[in-house]
Amino acid sequence: MKTRILGIAGLTAVLLGASVVAQRLTAEQVLDKAEAAAGGAKIRTLKSIHVKGTFQAPAQKLSGTIEIYFKAPNKVLVRQTIPGVLEQTSGFDGKVGWEKSNMTGLREIKGKELEQLKSAANFTSVGNWRKQYRNPRLRGVQKLGNHEVYVIDLTTTHGTKATLYIDTREFLVRRDDSEVVTPQGSIVATSLLEDYRRVDGIMYPFRVRQQVSGMESVIYLQQVRHNVPINDSLFRKPKQ
């Protein structure tokens, strides 16, 4: 830190935890900094991502595994397993969205739910917030646990609402309140993003606590791999 060039305003910002600086940034500037902090430039160069992890729902005494495959430019597959209870896979091959579950069978995803899946499939857009969101509005600065955060309201490109809570020091997203489209209608999912770790220059939250409809679950990432070969057939809708 070059303390010799700090004036009164600069010194106050350091002592008070950047709250003075926070009030001077626009929503767009905060999102630009968050994009850079996450490793946006590197994300945009990726060809594929493979994520493996576990999840727990303590109140329901359930636990299982989760595996996610992304392939540029627009393919995604998510596989969730609770041994003896649930086997569920959802995917998008660039054209068709689908879900297969041992409980509900195979269905094709359409409408707003499909638009949501398409957005998730374009994983490189995470490195360019303007492809994900529009109409950002900085609501203010507040405390979130041990962090001071900017609170930004946005609309996703597929029309749902979201609020991001972005650290005023490290510019990492600490919380995400997002409207999620389901077959039963829209719900709000709150995600607390914790235990950030750097993988090939990209920041990932290795622990995500989620609250949906009064139920809480925790996702723990175990492995993140970039640019692994993935066959396109993985993402195609099964015949049955």
Protein backbone atom coordinates (compact mmCIF):
# COMPACT_ATOMS: atom_id res chain seq x y z
CA MET A 1 0.00 0.00 0.00
CA LYS A 2 1.41 3.41 -0.98
CA THR A 3 0.34 5.25 2.15
CA ARG A 4 2.32 8.32 1.22
CA ILE A 5 -0.18 9.20 -1.54
CA LEU A 6 -3.36 8.61 0.49
CA GLY A 7 -5.28 11.76 1.24
CA ILE A 8 -7.90 12.12 3.98
CA ALA A 9 -10.58 10.46 1.83
CA GLY A 10 -8.32 7.56 0.89
CA LEU A 11 -7.19 6.98 4.47
CA THR A 12 -10.80 7.09 5.69
CA ALA A 13 -11.77 4.47 3.09
CA VAL A 14 -9.03 2.14 4.32
CA LEU A 15 -9.93 2.58 7.99
CA LEU A 16 -13.68 2.23 7.47
CA GLY A 17 -13.55 -0.84 5.24
CA ALA A 18 -14.09 0.73 1.81
CA SER A 19 -17.57 2.04 2.59
CA VAL A 20 -16.66 5.48 1.24
CA VAL A 21 -15.45 3.95 -2.02
CA ALA A 22 -18.52 1.72 -2.21
CA GLN A 23 -20.87 4.68 -2.40
CA ARG A 24 -19.03 6.10 -5.39
CA LEU A 25 -19.32 3.08 -7.68
CA THR A 26 -22.20 2.49 -10.07
CA ALA A 27 -23.92 -0.88 -10.39
CA GLU A 28 -22.17 -1.42 -13.72
CA GLN A 29 -18.75 -0.68 -12.21
CA VAL A 30 -19.35 -3.09 -9.33
CA LEU A 31 -20.38 -5.85 -11.75
CA ASP A 32 -17.33 -5.18 -13.94
CA LYS A 33 -15.09 -5.58 -10.89
CA ALA A 34 -16.93 -8.75 -9.83
CA GLU A 35 -16.49 -10.18 -13.31
CA ALA A 36 -12.74 -9.50 -13.19
CA ALA A 37 -12.41 -10.90 -9.65
CA ALA A 38 -14.08 -14.15 -10.71
CA GLY A 39 -11.64 -14.56 -13.59
CA GLY A 40 -13.99 -13.48 -16.36
CA ALA A 41 -11.34 -13.24 -19.07
CA LYS A 42 -10.25 -16.83 -18.42
CA ILE A 43 -13.82 -18.13 -18.19
CA ARG A 44 -14.52 -16.85 -21.70
CA THR A 45 -11.66 -18.97 -23.09
CA LEU A 46 -12.86 -22.29 -21.63
CA LYS A 47 -14.09 -25.09 -23.87
CA SER A 48 -15.57 -27.26 -21.12
CA ILE A 49 -15.99 -27.63 -17.34
CA HIS A 50 -16.54 -30.78 -15.29
CA VAL A 51 -17.63 -30.35 -11.66
CA LYS A 52 -18.10 -33.07 -9.04
CA GLY A 53 -19.43 -32.61 -5.55
CA THR A 54 -21.74 -33.73 -2.79
CA PHE A 55 -24.84 -32.22 -1.22
CA GLN A 56 -26.65 -32.57 2.07
CA ALA A 57 -30.16 -31.70 3.23
CA PRO A 58 -29.75 -31.97 7.02
CA ALA A 59 -33.41 -31.47 7.97
CA GLN A 60 -34.47 -34.29 5.65
CA LYS A 61 -31.42 -36.38 6.64
CA LEU A 62 -30.56 -36.80 2.96
CA SER A 63 -27.22 -36.67 1.18
CA GLY A 64 -26.00 -37.46 -2.29
CA THR A 65 -23.75 -36.52 -5.17
CA ILE A 66 -23.91 -33.93 -7.91
CA GLU A 67 -22.04 -33.84 -11.20
CA ILE A 68 -22.18 -31.04 -13.79
CA TYR A 69 -20.83 -30.96 -17.34
CA PHE A 70 -20.58 -27.79 -19.44
CA LYS A 71 -19.41 -27.68 -23.04
CA ALA A 72 -19.08 -24.51 -25.10
CA PRO A 73 -20.92 -22.86 -26.57
CA ASN A 74 -24.27 -23.99 -25.13
CA LYS A 75 -24.44 -27.49 -23.64
CA VAL A 76 -25.03 -28.52 -20.03
CA LEU A 77 -25.86 -31.67 -18.08
CA VAL A 78 -26.59 -31.95 -14.34
CA ARG A 79 -26.79 -35.32 -12.61
CA GLN A 80 -28.03 -35.63 -9.00
CA THR A 81 -28.13 -38.85 -7.01
CA ILE A 82 -29.46 -39.71 -3.57
CA PRO A 83 -28.71 -43.42 -3.10
CA GLY A 84 -31.90 -45.44 -2.86
CA VAL A 85 -34.08 -42.35 -3.32
CA LEU A 86 -33.36 -40.21 -6.37
CA GLU A 87 -31.65 -40.49 -9.75
CA GLN A 88 -32.23 -37.30 -11.72
CA THR A 89 -30.49 -35.90 -14.80
CA SER A 90 -31.29 -32.77 -16.76
CA GLY A 91 -29.59 -31.58 -19.91
CA PHE A 92 -29.54 -29.23 -22.88
CA ASP A 93 -27.81 -30.16 -26.13
CA GLY A 94 -27.99 -26.73 -27.73
CA LYS A 95 -31.53 -27.29 -29.04
CA VAL A 96 -33.53 -29.58 -26.76
CA GLY A 97 -33.86 -29.39 -22.98
CA TRP A 98 -34.88 -32.43 -20.98
CA GLU A 99 -35.10 -34.04 -17.55
CA LYS A 100 -35.16 -37.69 -16.56
CA SER A 101 -35.95 -38.90 -13.06
CA ASN A 102 -36.69 -42.26 -11.49
CA MET A 103 -39.66 -40.56 -9.83
CA THR A 104 -41.27 -38.64 -12.71
CA GLY A 105 -39.80 -40.28 -15.80
CA LEU A 106 -38.60 -38.43 -18.90
CA ARG A 107 -39.94 -35.04 -19.94
CA GLU A 108 -38.95 -32.32 -22.39
CA ILE A 109 -38.31 -28.90 -20.91
CA LYS A 110 -40.06 -25.98 -22.60
CA GLY A 111 -41.12 -22.37 -22.15
CA LYS A 112 -39.51 -20.17 -19.51
CA GLU A 113 -37.91 -23.20 -17.89
CA LEU A 114 -36.12 -23.91 -21.17
CA GLU A 115 -34.94 -20.30 -21.44
CA GLN A 116 -33.51 -20.63 -17.94
CA LEU A 117 -31.69 -23.84 -18.92
CA LYS A 118 -30.32 -22.22 -22.08
CA SER A 119 -28.89 -19.41 -19.98
CA ALA A 120 -27.19 -21.88 -17.64
CA ALA A 121 -25.78 -23.80 -20.60
CA ASN A 122 -23.98 -20.71 -21.90
CA PHE A 123 -21.47 -20.93 -19.05
CA THR A 124 -18.98 -18.52 -20.67
CA SER A 125 -21.53 -15.74 -20.13
CA VAL A 126 -20.56 -15.94 -16.44
CA GLY A 127 -17.43 -14.14 -17.59
CA ASN A 128 -19.54 -11.40 -19.17
CA TRP A 129 -22.36 -10.19 -16.94
CA ARG A 130 -23.93 -8.18 -19.77
CA LYS A 131 -24.88 -11.46 -21.44
CA GLN A 132 -26.60 -12.65 -18.26
CA TYR A 133 -28.29 -9.56 -16.86
CA ARG A 134 -29.86 -6.25 -17.73
CA ASN A 135 -31.11 -3.16 -15.87
CA PRO A 136 -28.74 -3.42 -12.86
CA ARG A 137 -29.64 -1.13 -9.96
CA LEU A 138 -27.42 -0.55 -6.95
CA ARG A 139 -29.72 -0.64 -3.93
CA GLY A 140 -26.96 0.28 -1.46
CA VAL A 141 -24.30 -1.18 0.84
CA GLN A 142 -25.00 -3.39 3.85
CA LYS A 143 -23.48 -5.99 6.15
CA LEU A 144 -23.76 -9.68 5.31
CA GLY A 145 -22.19 -11.74 8.08
CA ASN A 146 -18.57 -10.60 8.30
CA HIS A 147 -18.69 -8.93 4.89
CA GLU A 148 -19.75 -5.54 3.65
CA VAL A 149 -21.56 -5.99 0.36
CA TYR A 150 -23.06 -4.04 -2.51
CA VAL A 151 -26.69 -5.04 -3.09
CA ILE A 152 -27.60 -5.02 -6.78
CA ASP A 153 -31.02 -5.82 -8.24
CA LEU A 154 -31.08 -7.14 -11.81
CA THR A 155 -33.22 -8.84 -14.41
CA THR A 156 -31.85 -11.90 -16.21
CA THR A 157 -31.85 -12.03 -19.99
CA HIS A 158 -34.64 -14.62 -19.78
CA GLY A 159 -36.83 -12.28 -17.72
CA THR A 160 -36.51 -13.44 -14.11
CA LYS A 161 -35.45 -11.31 -11.14
CA ALA A 162 -32.20 -11.59 -9.21
CA THR A 163 -30.32 -9.80 -6.44
CA LEU A 164 -26.55 -10.11 -6.04
CA TYR A 165 -24.61 -9.29 -2.87
CA ILE A 166 -21.03 -8.47 -3.88
CA ASP A 167 -18.14 -8.05 -1.43
CA THR A 168 -16.90 -4.45 -1.32
CA ARG A 169 -13.29 -5.57 -0.80
CA GLU A 170 -12.75 -8.66 -2.94
CA PHE A 171 -15.69 -8.17 -5.31
CA LEU A 172 -16.75 -11.81 -4.96
CA VAL A 173 -20.45 -12.68 -4.98
CA ARG A 174 -21.35 -13.65 -1.42
CA ARG A 175 -25.08 -14.19 -1.90
CA ASP A 176 -27.44 -14.69 -4.84
CA ASP A 177 -31.22 -14.41 -4.55
CA SER A 178 -32.68 -15.67 -7.83
CA GLU A 179 -36.12 -16.40 -9.17
CA VAL A 180 -36.13 -20.01 -10.41
CA VAL A 181 -38.68 -21.38 -12.86
CA THR A 182 -39.98 -24.90 -12.04
CA PRO A 183 -42.81 -27.04 -13.45
CA GLN A 184 -44.88 -25.93 -10.44
CA GLY A 185 -44.16 -22.22 -11.00
CA SER A 186 -41.56 -19.66 -9.96
CA ILE A 187 -39.81 -19.76 -6.60
CA VAL A 188 -36.98 -17.76 -5.02
CA ALA A 189 -33.72 -19.56 -4.25
CA THR A 190 -31.18 -17.98 -1.90
CA SER A 191 -27.58 -19.13 -2.27
CA LEU A 192 -24.75 -18.20 0.10
CA LEU A 193 -21.42 -18.64 -1.69
CA GLU A 194 -18.55 -19.56 0.62
CA ASP A 195 -15.04 -21.05 0.74
CA TYR A 196 -13.83 -19.51 -2.52
CA ARG A 197 -10.85 -21.24 -4.13
CA ARG A 198 -8.91 -20.48 -7.28
CA VAL A 199 -8.80 -23.13 -10.02
CA ASP A 200 -6.69 -22.24 -13.06
CA GLY A 201 -7.14 -18.56 -12.31
CA ILE A 202 -10.93 -18.81 -11.84
CA MET A 203 -12.67 -18.39 -8.47
CA TYR A 204 -15.20 -21.02 -7.40
CA PRO A 205 -17.26 -21.19 -4.18
CA PHE A 206 -16.50 -24.68 -2.88
CA ARG A 207 -19.40 -24.47 -0.42
CA VAL A 208 -22.85 -23.21 -1.40
CA ARG A 209 -25.68 -23.06 1.12
CA GLN A 210 -29.08 -22.93 -0.55
CA GLN A 211 -32.51 -22.13 0.84
CA VAL A 212 -35.56 -22.94 -1.27
CA SER A 213 -39.15 -22.95 0.02
CA GLY A 214 -37.98 -23.15 3.62
CA MET A 215 -35.64 -26.10 3.01
CA GLU A 216 -31.88 -25.80 3.26
CA SER A 217 -29.21 -27.82 1.49
CA VAL A 218 -25.44 -27.50 1.23
CA ILE A 219 -23.35 -28.26 -1.85
CA TYR A 220 -19.66 -29.07 -1.42
CA LEU A 221 -17.47 -29.04 -4.50
CA GLN A 222 -14.82 -31.74 -4.59
CA GLN A 223 -13.29 -31.31 -8.03
CA VAL A 224 -13.34 -28.77 -10.86
CA ARG A 225 -11.64 -29.58 -14.15
CA HIS A 226 -11.34 -27.37 -17.22
CA ASN A 227 -11.10 -28.19 -20.92
CA VAL A 228 -11.71 -31.93 -20.52
CA PRO A 229 -12.94 -33.84 -23.59
CA ILE A 230 -16.73 -34.40 -23.46
CA ASN A 231 -18.69 -36.21 -26.17
CA ASP A 232 -21.74 -34.33 -27.47
CA SER A 233 -23.86 -37.48 -27.04
CA LEU A 234 -23.79 -36.94 -23.26
CA PHE A 235 -26.14 -33.97 -23.59
CA ARG A 236 -28.74 -35.51 -25.90
CA LYS A 237 -32.23 -36.37 -24.71
CA PRO A 238 -32.53 -40.13 -23.97
CA LYS A 239 -34.95 -42.13 -26.11
CA GLN A 240 -36.76 -43.35 -23.01
